[in-house]
PDB file of N, CA and C in Angstrom:
ATOM      1  N   MET A   1       0.838  -1.188   0.000  1.00  0.00           N
ATOM      2  CA  MET A   1       0.000   0.000   0.000  1.00  0.00           C
ATOM      3  C   MET A   1       0.882   1.250   0.000  1.00  0.00           C
ATOM      4  N   ARG A   2       0.491   2.214  -0.766  1.00  0.00           N
ATOM      5  CA  ARG A   2       1.263   3.441  -0.910  1.00  0.00           C
ATOM      6  C   ARG A   2       0.903   4.426   0.196  1.00  0.00           C
ATOM      7  N   GLU A   3       1.894   5.008   0.796  1.00  0.00           N
ATOM      8  CA  GLU A   3       1.656   5.975   1.870  1.00  0.00           C
ATOM      9  C   GLU A   3       1.580   7.380   1.284  1.00  0.00           C
ATOM     10  N   ASN A   4       0.582   8.120   1.720  1.00  0.00           N
ATOM     11  CA  ASN A   4       0.411   9.493   1.252  1.00  0.00           C
ATOM     12  C   ASN A   4       1.181  10.419   2.179  1.00  0.00           C
ATOM     13  N   THR A   5       2.216  11.067   1.679  1.00  0.00           N
ATOM     14  CA  THR A   5       3.052  11.927   2.517  1.00  0.00           C
ATOM     15  C   THR A   5       2.621  13.378   2.485  1.00  0.00           C
ATOM     16  N   ARG A   6       1.697  13.704   1.608  1.00  0.00           N
ATOM     17  CA  ARG A   6       1.248  15.095   1.520  1.00  0.00           C
ATOM     18  C   ARG A   6       0.181  15.350   2.573  1.00  0.00           C
ATOM     19  N   GLY A   7       0.244  16.511   3.183  1.00  0.00           N
ATOM     20  CA  GLY A   7      -0.742  16.881   4.190  1.00  0.00           C
ATOM     21  C   GLY A   7      -2.049  17.305   3.544  1.00  0.00           C
ATOM     22  N   PRO A   8      -3.099  17.482   4.357  1.00  0.00           N
ATOM     23  CA  PRO A   8      -4.402  17.856   3.801  1.00  0.00           C
ATOM     24  C   PRO A   8      -4.405  19.233   3.154  1.00  0.00           C
ATOM     25  N   ASP A   9      -3.494  20.125   3.577  1.00  0.00           N
ATOM     26  CA  ASP A   9      -3.441  21.460   2.976  1.00  0.00           C
ATOM     27  C   ASP A   9      -2.731  21.449   1.625  1.00  0.00           C
ATOM     28  N   GLU A  10      -1.893  20.447   1.401  1.00  0.00           N
ATOM     29  CA  GLU A  10      -1.134  20.382   0.162  1.00  0.00           C
ATOM     30  C   GLU A  10      -1.905  19.695  -0.964  1.00  0.00           C
ATOM     31  N   ARG A  11      -2.940  18.966  -0.634  1.00  0.00           N
ATOM     32  CA  ARG A  11      -3.719  18.269  -1.651  1.00  0.00           C
ATOM     33  C   ARG A  11      -4.603  19.246  -2.395  1.00  0.00           C
ATOM     34  N   GLN A  12      -4.610  19.120  -3.706  1.00  0.00           N
ATOM     35  CA  GLN A  12      -5.479  19.944  -4.534  1.00  0.00           C
ATOM     36  C   GLN A  12      -6.064  19.072  -5.617  1.00  0.00           C
ATOM     37  N   ARG A  13      -7.207  19.464  -6.088  1.00  0.00           N
ATOM     38  CA  ARG A  13      -7.771  18.764  -7.230  1.00  0.00           C
ATOM     39  C   ARG A  13      -6.897  19.041  -8.435  1.00  0.00           C
ATOM     40  N   PRO A  14      -6.824  18.089  -9.339  1.00  0.00           N
ATOM     41  CA  PRO A  14      -6.035  18.341 -10.546  1.00  0.00           C
ATOM     42  C   PRO A  14      -6.600  19.528 -11.321  1.00  0.00           C
ATOM     43  N   GLY A  15      -5.755  20.452 -11.676  1.00  0.00           N
ATOM     44  CA  GLY A  15      -6.166  21.610 -12.454  1.00  0.00           C
ATOM     45  C   GLY A  15      -6.751  22.743 -11.636  1.00  0.00           C
ATOM     46  N   ALA A  16      -6.887  22.570 -10.324  1.00  0.00           N
ATOM     47  CA  ALA A  16      -7.459  23.625  -9.481  1.00  0.00           C
ATOM     48  C   ALA A  16      -6.345  24.562  -9.033  1.00  0.00           C
ATOM     49  N   ALA A  17      -6.542  25.826  -9.261  1.00  0.00           N
ATOM     50  CA  ALA A  17      -5.567  26.830  -8.852  1.00  0.00           C
ATOM     51  C   ALA A  17      -6.156  27.655  -7.720  1.00  0.00           C
ATOM     52  N   PRO A  18      -5.320  28.189  -6.846  1.00  0.00           N
ATOM     53  CA  PRO A  18      -5.850  29.055  -5.784  1.00  0.00           C
ATOM     54  C   PRO A  18      -6.474  30.305  -6.398  1.00  0.00           C
ATOM     55  N   PRO A  19      -7.453  30.897  -5.715  1.00  0.00           N
ATOM     56  CA  PRO A  19      -8.098  32.086  -6.270  1.00  0.00           C
ATOM     57  C   PRO A  19      -7.127  33.259  -6.371  1.00  0.00           C
ATOM     58  N   SER A  20      -7.352  34.075  -7.364  1.00  0.00           N
ATOM     59  CA  SER A  20      -6.494  35.243  -7.570  1.00  0.00           C
ATOM     60  C   SER A  20      -6.805  36.300  -6.506  1.00  0.00           C
ATOM     61  N   PRO A  21      -5.890  37.239  -6.290  1.00  0.00           N
ATOM     62  CA  PRO A  21      -6.159  38.310  -5.321  1.00  0.00           C
ATOM     63  C   PRO A  21      -7.416  39.114  -5.668  1.00  0.00           C
ATOM     64  N   GLN A  22      -7.659  39.305  -6.959  1.00  0.00           N
ATOM     65  CA  GLN A  22      -8.855  40.047  -7.355  1.00  0.00           C
ATOM     66  C   GLN A  22     -10.124  39.275  -6.983  1.00  0.00           C
ATOM     67  N   ALA A  23     -10.113  37.969  -7.143  1.00  0.00           N
ATOM     68  CA  ALA A  23     -11.270  37.155  -6.775  1.00  0.00           C
ATOM     69  C   ALA A  23     -11.476  37.180  -5.266  1.00  0.00           C
ATOM     70  N   ARG A  24     -10.391  37.175  -4.502  1.00  0.00           N
ATOM     71  CA  ARG A  24     -10.529  37.243  -3.049  1.00  0.00           C
ATOM     72  C   ARG A  24     -11.106  38.586  -2.621  1.00  0.00           C
ATOM     73  N   ARG A  25     -10.670  39.678  -3.289  1.00  0.00           N
ATOM     74  CA  ARG A  25     -11.222  40.998  -2.960  1.00  0.00           C
ATOM     75  C   ARG A  25     -12.712  41.051  -3.269  1.00  0.00           C
ATOM     76  N   ARG A  26     -13.128  40.452  -4.397  1.00  0.00           N
ATOM     77  CA  ARG A  26     -14.552  40.411  -4.737  1.00  0.00           C
ATOM     78  C   ARG A  26     -15.329  39.653  -3.671  1.00  0.00           C
ATOM     79  N   ALA A  27     -14.741  38.562  -3.169  1.00  0.00           N
ATOM     80  CA  ALA A  27     -15.417  37.784  -2.134  1.00  0.00           C
ATOM     81  C   ALA A  27     -15.579  38.609  -0.860  1.00  0.00           C
ATOM     82  N   TYR A  28     -14.553  39.380  -0.502  1.00  0.00           N
ATOM     83  CA  TYR A  28     -14.659  40.219   0.692  1.00  0.00           C
ATOM     84  C   TYR A  28     -15.674  41.350   0.488  1.00  0.00           C
ATOM     85  N   ARG A  29     -15.730  41.914  -0.714  1.00  0.00           N
ATOM     86  CA  ARG A  29     -16.723  42.952  -0.979  1.00  0.00           C
ATOM     87  C   ARG A  29     -18.133  42.395  -0.872  1.00  0.00           C
ATOM     88  N   LEU A  30     -18.341  41.200  -1.415  1.00  0.00           N
ATOM     89  CA  LEU A  30     -19.661  40.582  -1.330  1.00  0.00           C
ATOM     90  C   LEU A  30     -20.003  40.252   0.110  1.00  0.00           C
ATOM     91  N   ARG A  31     -19.036  39.738   0.854  1.00  0.00           N
ATOM     92  CA  ARG A  31     -19.272  39.413   2.263  1.00  0.00           C
ATOM     93  C   ARG A  31     -19.601  40.676   3.058  1.00  0.00           C
ATOM     94  N   HIS A  32     -18.902  41.779   2.765  1.00  0.00           N
ATOM     95  CA  HIS A  32     -19.180  43.046   3.448  1.00  0.00           C
ATOM     96  C   HIS A  32     -20.572  43.564   3.080  1.00  0.00           C
ATOM     97  N   LEU A  33     -20.936  43.455   1.813  1.00  0.00           N
ATOM     98  CA  LEU A  33     -22.262  43.886   1.379  1.00  0.00           C
ATOM     99  C   LEU A  33     -23.346  43.072   2.076  1.00  0.00           C
ATOM    100  N   LEU A  34     -23.176  41.763   2.123  1.00  0.00           N
ATOM    101  CA  LEU A  34     -24.177  40.918   2.783  1.00  0.00           C
ATOM    102  C   LEU A  34     -24.282  41.233   4.274  1.00  0.00           C
ATOM    103  N   ALA A  35     -23.144  41.450   4.923  1.00  0.00           N
ATOM    104  CA  ALA A  35     -23.170  41.781   6.347  1.00  0.00           C
ATOM    105  C   ALA A  35     -23.833  43.129   6.588  1.00  0.00           C
ATOM    106  N   SER A  36     -23.585  44.094   5.703  1.00  0.00           N
ATOM    107  CA  SER A  36     -24.173  45.420   5.901  1.00  0.00           C
ATOM    108  C   SER A  36     -25.666  45.432   5.577  1.00  0.00           C
ATOM    109  N   VAL A  37     -26.144  44.474   4.797  1.00  0.00           N
ATOM    110  CA  VAL A  37     -27.581  44.372   4.529  1.00  0.00           C
ATOM    111  C   VAL A  37     -28.264  43.559   5.623  1.00  0.00           C
ATOM    112  N   ARG A  38     -27.599  42.488   6.060  1.00  0.00           N
ATOM    113  CA  ARG A  38     -28.206  41.621   7.067  1.00  0.00           C
ATOM    114  C   ARG A  38     -28.347  42.305   8.420  1.00  0.00           C
ATOM    115  N   MET A  39     -27.343  43.062   8.823  1.00  0.00           N
ATOM    116  CA  MET A  39     -27.371  43.636  10.165  1.00  0.00           C
ATOM    117  C   MET A  39     -28.583  44.551  10.390  1.00  0.00           C
ATOM    118  N   PRO A  40     -28.865  45.528   9.524  1.00  0.00           N
ATOM    119  CA  PRO A  40     -30.054  46.354   9.767  1.00  0.00           C
ATOM    120  C   PRO A  40     -31.360  45.555   9.650  1.00  0.00           C
ATOM    121  N   LEU A  41     -31.380  44.576   8.760  1.00  0.00           N
ATOM    122  CA  LEU A  41     -32.576  43.747   8.615  1.00  0.00           C
ATOM    123  C   LEU A  41     -32.841  42.958   9.889  1.00  0.00           C
ATOM    124  N   TYR A  42     -31.806  42.293  10.419  1.00  0.00           N
ATOM    125  CA  TYR A  42     -31.966  41.525  11.650  1.00  0.00           C
ATOM    126  C   TYR A  42     -32.309  42.439  12.823  1.00  0.00           C
ATOM    127  N   LEU A  43     -31.715  43.608  12.850  1.00  0.00           N
ATOM    128  CA  LEU A  43     -32.008  44.545  13.935  1.00  0.00           C
ATOM    129  C   LEU A  43     -33.460  45.019  13.867  1.00  0.00           C
ATOM    130  N   ALA A  44     -33.940  45.315  12.672  1.00  0.00           N
ATOM    131  CA  ALA A  44     -35.341  45.724  12.513  1.00  0.00           C
ATOM    132  C   ALA A  44     -36.291  44.598  12.902  1.00  0.00           C
ATOM    133  N   LEU A  45     -35.961  43.366  12.519  1.00  0.00           N
ATOM    134  CA  LEU A  45     -36.810  42.238  12.898  1.00  0.00           C
ATOM    135  C   LEU A  45     -36.789  42.001  14.403  1.00  0.00           C
ATOM    136  N   ALA A  46     -35.640  42.196  15.037  1.00  0.00           N
ATOM    137  CA  ALA A  46     -35.558  42.046  16.494  1.00  0.00           C
ATOM    138  C   ALA A  46     -36.446  43.078  17.189  1.00  0.00           C
ATOM    139  N   VAL A  47     -36.401  44.317  16.701  1.00  0.00           N
ATOM    140  CA  VAL A  47     -37.247  45.363  17.291  1.00  0.00           C
ATOM    141  C   VAL A  47     -38.721  45.057  17.039  1.00  0.00           C
ATOM    142  N   LEU A  48     -39.055  44.632  15.832  1.00  0.00           N
ATOM    143  CA  LEU A  48     -40.435  44.313  15.496  1.00  0.00           C
ATOM    144  C   LEU A  48     -40.989  43.200  16.394  1.00  0.00           C
ATOM    145  N   PHE A  49     -40.250  42.115  16.519  1.00  0.00           N
ATOM    146  CA  PHE A  49     -40.718  41.019  17.360  1.00  0.00           C
ATOM    147  C   PHE A  49     -40.698  41.395  18.835  1.00  0.00           C
ATOM    148  N   GLY A  50     -39.755  42.245  19.244  1.00  0.00           N
ATOM    149  CA  GLY A  50     -39.733  42.697  20.632  1.00  0.00           C
ATOM    150  C   GLY A  50     -40.947  43.550  20.972  1.00  0.00           C
ATOM    151  N   VAL A  51     -41.314  44.450  20.066  1.00  0.00           N
ATOM    152  CA  VAL A  51     -42.505  45.284  20.283  1.00  0.00           C
ATOM    153  C   VAL A  51     -43.763  44.424  20.277  1.00  0.00           C
ATOM    154  N   TRP A  52     -43.801  43.450  19.368  1.00  0.00           N
ATOM    155  CA  TRP A  52     -44.949  42.550  19.312  1.00  0.00           C
ATOM    156  C   TRP A  52     -45.060  41.720  20.595  1.00  0.00           C
ATOM    157  N   ALA A  53     -43.920  41.256  21.103  1.00  0.00           N
ATOM    158  CA  ALA A  53     -43.927  40.484  22.351  1.00  0.00           C
ATOM    159  C   ALA A  53     -44.368  41.355  23.520  1.00  0.00           C
ATOM    160  N   TRP A  54     -43.936  42.606  23.532  1.00  0.00           N
ATOM    161  CA  TRP A  54     -44.284  43.517  24.616  1.00  0.00           C
ATOM    162  C   TRP A  54     -45.787  43.789  24.630  1.00  0.00           C
ATOM    163  N   GLY A  55     -46.390  43.913  23.459  1.00  0.00           N
ATOM    164  CA  GLY A  55     -47.805  44.243  23.374  1.00  0.00           C
ATOM    165  C   GLY A  55     -48.738  43.058  23.386  1.00  0.00           C
ATOM    166  N   SER A  56     -48.211  41.834  23.263  1.00  0.00           N
ATOM    167  CA  SER A  56     -49.099  40.673  23.228  1.00  0.00           C
ATOM    168  C   SER A  56     -49.517  40.269  24.634  1.00  0.00           C
ATOM    169  N   GLN A  57     -50.604  39.542  24.701  1.00  0.00           N
ATOM    170  CA  GLN A  57     -51.159  39.121  25.985  1.00  0.00           C
ATOM    171  C   GLN A  57     -50.948  37.627  26.167  1.00  0.00           C
ATOM    172  N   ALA A  58     -50.809  37.220  27.418  1.00  0.00           N
ATOM    173  CA  ALA A  58     -50.652  35.799  27.722  1.00  0.00           C
ATOM    174  C   ALA A  58     -51.951  35.077  27.396  1.00  0.00           C
ATOM    175  N   GLY A  59     -51.829  33.860  26.933  1.00  0.00           N
ATOM    176  CA  GLY A  59     -52.999  33.068  26.595  1.00  0.00           C
ATOM    177  C   GLY A  59     -53.362  33.116  25.126  1.00  0.00           C
ATOM    178  N   PHE A  60     -52.785  34.016  24.386  1.00  0.00           N
ATOM    179  CA  PHE A  60     -53.036  34.107  22.954  1.00  0.00           C
ATOM    180  C   PHE A  60     -51.840  33.527  22.196  1.00  0.00           C
ATOM    181  N   ALA A  61     -52.102  33.085  20.981  1.00  0.00           N
ATOM    182  CA  ALA A  61     -51.013  32.557  20.157  1.00  0.00           C
ATOM    183  C   ALA A  61     -50.534  33.659  19.223  1.00  0.00           C
ATOM    184  N   PRO A  62     -49.305  33.849  18.993  1.00  0.00           N
ATOM    185  CA  PRO A  62     -48.149  33.263  19.666  1.00  0.00           C
ATOM    186  C   PRO A  62     -47.937  33.898  21.041  1.00  0.00           C
ATOM    187  N   SER A  63     -47.311  33.144  21.908  1.00  0.00           N
ATOM    188  CA  SER A  63     -47.118  33.619  23.276  1.00  0.00           C
ATOM    189  C   SER A  63     -46.046  34.708  23.330  1.00  0.00           C
ATOM    190  N   PRO A  64     -46.101  35.560  24.331  1.00  0.00           N
ATOM    191  CA  PRO A  64     -45.068  36.598  24.467  1.00  0.00           C
ATOM    192  C   PRO A  64     -43.669  36.012  24.632  1.00  0.00           C
ATOM    193  N   TRP A  65     -43.568  34.851  25.269  1.00  0.00           N
ATOM    194  CA  TRP A  65     -42.255  34.225  25.453  1.00  0.00           C
ATOM    195  C   TRP A  65     -41.674  33.762  24.121  1.00  0.00           C
ATOM    196  N   ALA A  66     -42.513  33.205  23.267  1.00  0.00           N
ATOM    197  CA  ALA A  66     -42.039  32.767  21.952  1.00  0.00           C
ATOM    198  C   ALA A  66     -41.598  33.966  21.115  1.00  0.00           C
ATOM    199  N   LEU A  67     -42.387  35.026  21.145  1.00  0.00           N
ATOM    200  CA  LEU A  67     -42.017  36.234  20.398  1.00  0.00           C
ATOM    201  C   LEU A  67     -40.737  36.859  20.944  1.00  0.00           C
ATOM    202  N   GLY A  68     -40.587  36.826  22.263  1.00  0.00           N
ATOM    203  CA  GLY A  68     -39.362  37.348  22.875  1.00  0.00           C
ATOM    204  C   GLY A  68     -38.142  36.521  22.488  1.00  0.00           C
ATOM    205  N   ALA A  69     -38.326  35.199  22.404  1.00  0.00           N
ATOM    206  CA  ALA A  69     -37.219  34.332  21.992  1.00  0.00           C
ATOM    207  C   ALA A  69     -36.827  34.603  20.539  1.00  0.00           C
ATOM    208  N   ILE A  70     -37.810  34.832  19.682  1.00  0.00           N
ATOM    209  CA  ILE A  70     -37.518  35.152  18.285  1.00  0.00           C
ATOM    210  C   ILE A  70     -36.807  36.500  18.194  1.00  0.00           C
ATOM    211  N   ALA A  71     -37.258  37.467  18.999  1.00  0.00           N
ATOM    212  CA  ALA A  71     -36.592  38.778  19.015  1.00  0.00           C
ATOM    213  C   ALA A  71     -35.144  38.642  19.483  1.00  0.00           C
ATOM    214  N   LEU A  72     -34.911  37.822  20.485  1.00  0.00           N
ATOM    215  CA  LEU A  72     -33.556  37.597  20.979  1.00  0.00           C
ATOM    216  C   LEU A  72     -32.693  36.920  19.907  1.00  0.00           C
ATOM    217  N   LEU A  73     -33.265  35.972  19.193  1.00  0.00           N
ATOM    218  CA  LEU A  73     -32.541  35.295  18.125  1.00  0.00           C
ATOM    219  C   LEU A  73     -32.106  36.296  17.050  1.00  0.00           C
ATOM    220  N   PHE A  74     -33.017  37.163  16.640  1.00  0.00           N
ATOM    221  CA  PHE A  74     -32.661  38.156  15.628  1.00  0.00           C
ATOM    222  C   PHE A  74     -31.645  39.164  16.156  1.00  0.00           C
ATOM    223  N   ALA A  75     -31.698  39.480  17.439  1.00  0.00           N
ATOM    224  CA  ALA A  75     -30.703  40.388  18.018  1.00  0.00           C
ATOM    225  C   ALA A  75     -29.315  39.748  17.999  1.00  0.00           C
ATOM    226  N   VAL A  76     -29.242  38.467  18.302  1.00  0.00           N
ATOM    227  CA  VAL A  76     -27.957  37.758  18.259  1.00  0.00           C
ATOM    228  C   VAL A  76     -27.435  37.703  16.817  1.00  0.00           C
ATOM    229  N   LEU A  77     -28.322  37.438  15.862  1.00  0.00           N
ATOM    230  CA  LEU A  77     -27.917  37.411  14.457  1.00  0.00           C
ATOM    231  C   LEU A  77     -27.409  38.788  14.006  1.00  0.00           C
ATOM    232  N   ALA A  78     -28.033  39.861  14.490  1.00  0.00           N
ATOM    233  CA  ALA A  78     -27.570  41.210  14.156  1.00  0.00           C
ATOM    234  C   ALA A  78     -26.178  41.460  14.731  1.00  0.00           C
ATOM    235  N   LEU A  79     -25.936  40.981  15.939  1.00  0.00           N
ATOM    236  CA  LEU A  79     -24.610  41.143  16.532  1.00  0.00           C
ATOM    237  C   LEU A  79     -23.555  40.344  15.765  1.00  0.00           C
ATOM    238  N   LEU A  80     -23.908  39.151  15.316  1.00  0.00           N
ATOM    239  CA  LEU A  80     -22.976  38.354  14.521  1.00  0.00           C
ATOM    240  C   LEU A  80     -22.674  39.027  13.184  1.00  0.00           C
ATOM    241  N   ALA A  81     -23.685  39.611  12.553  1.00  0.00           N
ATOM    242  CA  ALA A  81     -23.458  40.336  11.302  1.00  0.00           C
ATOM    243  C   ALA A  81     -22.577  41.563  11.540  1.00  0.00           C
ATOM    244  N   LEU A  82     -22.766  42.242  12.664  1.00  0.00           N
ATOM    245  CA  LEU A  82     -21.928  43.385  13.007  1.00  0.00           C
ATOM    246  C   LEU A  82     -20.483  42.941  13.238  1.00  0.00           C
ATOM    247  N   ALA A  83     -20.301  41.824  13.918  1.00  0.00           N
ATOM    248  CA  ALA A  83     -18.950  41.308  14.147  1.00  0.00           C
ATOM    249  C   ALA A  83     -18.298  40.907  12.825  1.00  0.00           C
ATOM    250  N   ASP A  84     -19.061  40.314  11.923  1.00  0.00           N
ATOM    251  CA  ASP A  84     -18.535  39.936  10.620  1.00  0.00           C
ATOM    252  C   ASP A  84     -18.087  41.173   9.838  1.00  0.00           C
ATOM    253  N   ALA A  85     -18.892  42.218   9.861  1.00  0.00           N
ATOM    254  CA  ALA A  85     -18.523  43.457   9.176  1.00  0.00           C
ATOM    255  C   ALA A  85     -17.269  44.075   9.804  1.00  0.00           C
ATOM    256  N   ALA A  86     -17.138  43.980  11.125  1.00  0.00           N
ATOM    257  CA  ALA A  86     -15.956  44.524  11.789  1.00  0.00           C
ATOM    258  C   ALA A  86     -14.706  43.734  11.415  1.00  0.00           C
ATOM    259  N   VAL A  87     -14.816  42.417  11.304  1.00  0.00           N
ATOM    260  CA  VAL A  87     -13.676  41.591  10.919  1.00  0.00           C
ATOM    261  C   VAL A  87     -13.244  41.918   9.493  1.00  0.00           C
ATOM    262  N   ILE A  88     -14.216  42.092   8.612  1.00  0.00           N
ATOM    263  CA  ILE A  88     -13.897  42.419   7.222  1.00  0.00           C
ATOM    264  C   ILE A  88     -13.240  43.790   7.143  1.00  0.00           C
ATOM    265  N   ARG A  89     -13.751  44.754   7.895  1.00  0.00           N
ATOM    266  CA  ARG A  89     -13.163  46.100   7.899  1.00  0.00           C
ATOM    267  C   ARG A  89     -11.729  46.059   8.429  1.00  0.00           C
ATOM    268  N   ASP A  90     -11.502  45.260   9.479  1.00  0.00           N
ATOM    269  CA  ASP A  90     -10.160  45.135  10.028  1.00  0.00           C
ATOM    270  C   ASP A  90      -9.230  44.462   9.023  1.00  0.00           C
ATOM    271  N   HIS A  91      -9.725  43.462   8.327  1.00  0.00           N
ATOM    272  CA  HIS A  91      -8.910  42.790   7.311  1.00  0.00           C
ATOM    273  C   HIS A  91      -8.538  43.754   6.188  1.00  0.00           C
ATOM    274  N   ARG A  92      -9.505  44.547   5.757  1.00  0.00           N
ATOM    275  CA  ARG A  92      -9.226  45.531   4.703  1.00  0.00           C
ATOM    276  C   ARG A  92      -8.218  46.565   5.166  1.00  0.00           C
ATOM    277  N   ARG A  93      -8.336  46.996   6.412  1.00  0.00           N
ATOM    278  CA  ARG A  93      -7.413  48.004   6.944  1.00  0.00           C
ATOM    279  C   ARG A  93      -5.990  47.449   7.003  1.00  0.00           C
ATOM    280  N   ARG A  94      -5.862  46.191   7.394  1.00  0.00           N
ATOM    281  CA  ARG A  94      -4.526  45.598   7.476  1.00  0.00           C
ATOM    282  C   ARG A  94      -3.926  45.385   6.106  1.00  0.00           C
ATOM    283  N   ARG A  95      -4.728  45.050   5.143  1.00  0.00           N
ATOM    284  CA  ARG A  95      -4.232  44.796   3.791  1.00  0.00           C
ATOM    285  C   ARG A  95      -4.080  46.076   2.970  1.00  0.00           C
ATOM    286  N   GLY A  96      -4.689  47.157   3.431  1.00  0.00           N
ATOM    287  CA  GLY A  96      -4.603  48.409   2.704  1.00  0.00           C
ATOM    288  C   GLY A  96      -5.480  48.438   1.471  1.00  0.00           C
ATOM    289  N   VAL A  97      -6.556  47.675   1.466  1.00  0.00           N
ATOM    290  CA  VAL A  97      -7.442  47.599   0.314  1.00  0.00           C
ATOM    291  C   VAL A  97      -8.451  48.725   0.405  1.00  0.00           C
ATOM    292  N   ARG A  98      -8.609  49.433  -0.698  1.00  0.00           N
ATOM    293  CA  ARG A  98      -9.591  50.510  -0.771  1.00  0.00           C
ATOM    294  C   ARG A  98     -10.831  50.006  -1.472  1.00  0.00           C
ATOM    295  N   ARG A  99     -11.949  50.698  -1.265  1.00  0.00           N
ATOM    296  CA  ARG A  99     -13.195  50.305  -1.934  1.00  0.00           C
ATOM    297  C   ARG A  99     -13.151  50.575  -3.355  1.00  0.00           C
TER     298      ARG A  99
END
């Protein structure tokens, strides 16, 4: 049996080349765009569900606890999108990439 001496990082598909710097920049621009769109959307949904939970009454469907949990979920997603945008901004600053 033949032993594979190459590590998992060294293996590539035949004919596959690493992405060019321009392709990587496009990926970061798209990631930044998605993060900047998702964050306000998630924040608006968190506020919407929070207000709905605040105004709803116990005993009716959906329950205030369920609405509050959904609002909390969207708030966490907004924070993750904000963190993603901050990481991308920091990466751009370190690399010196302009828009």
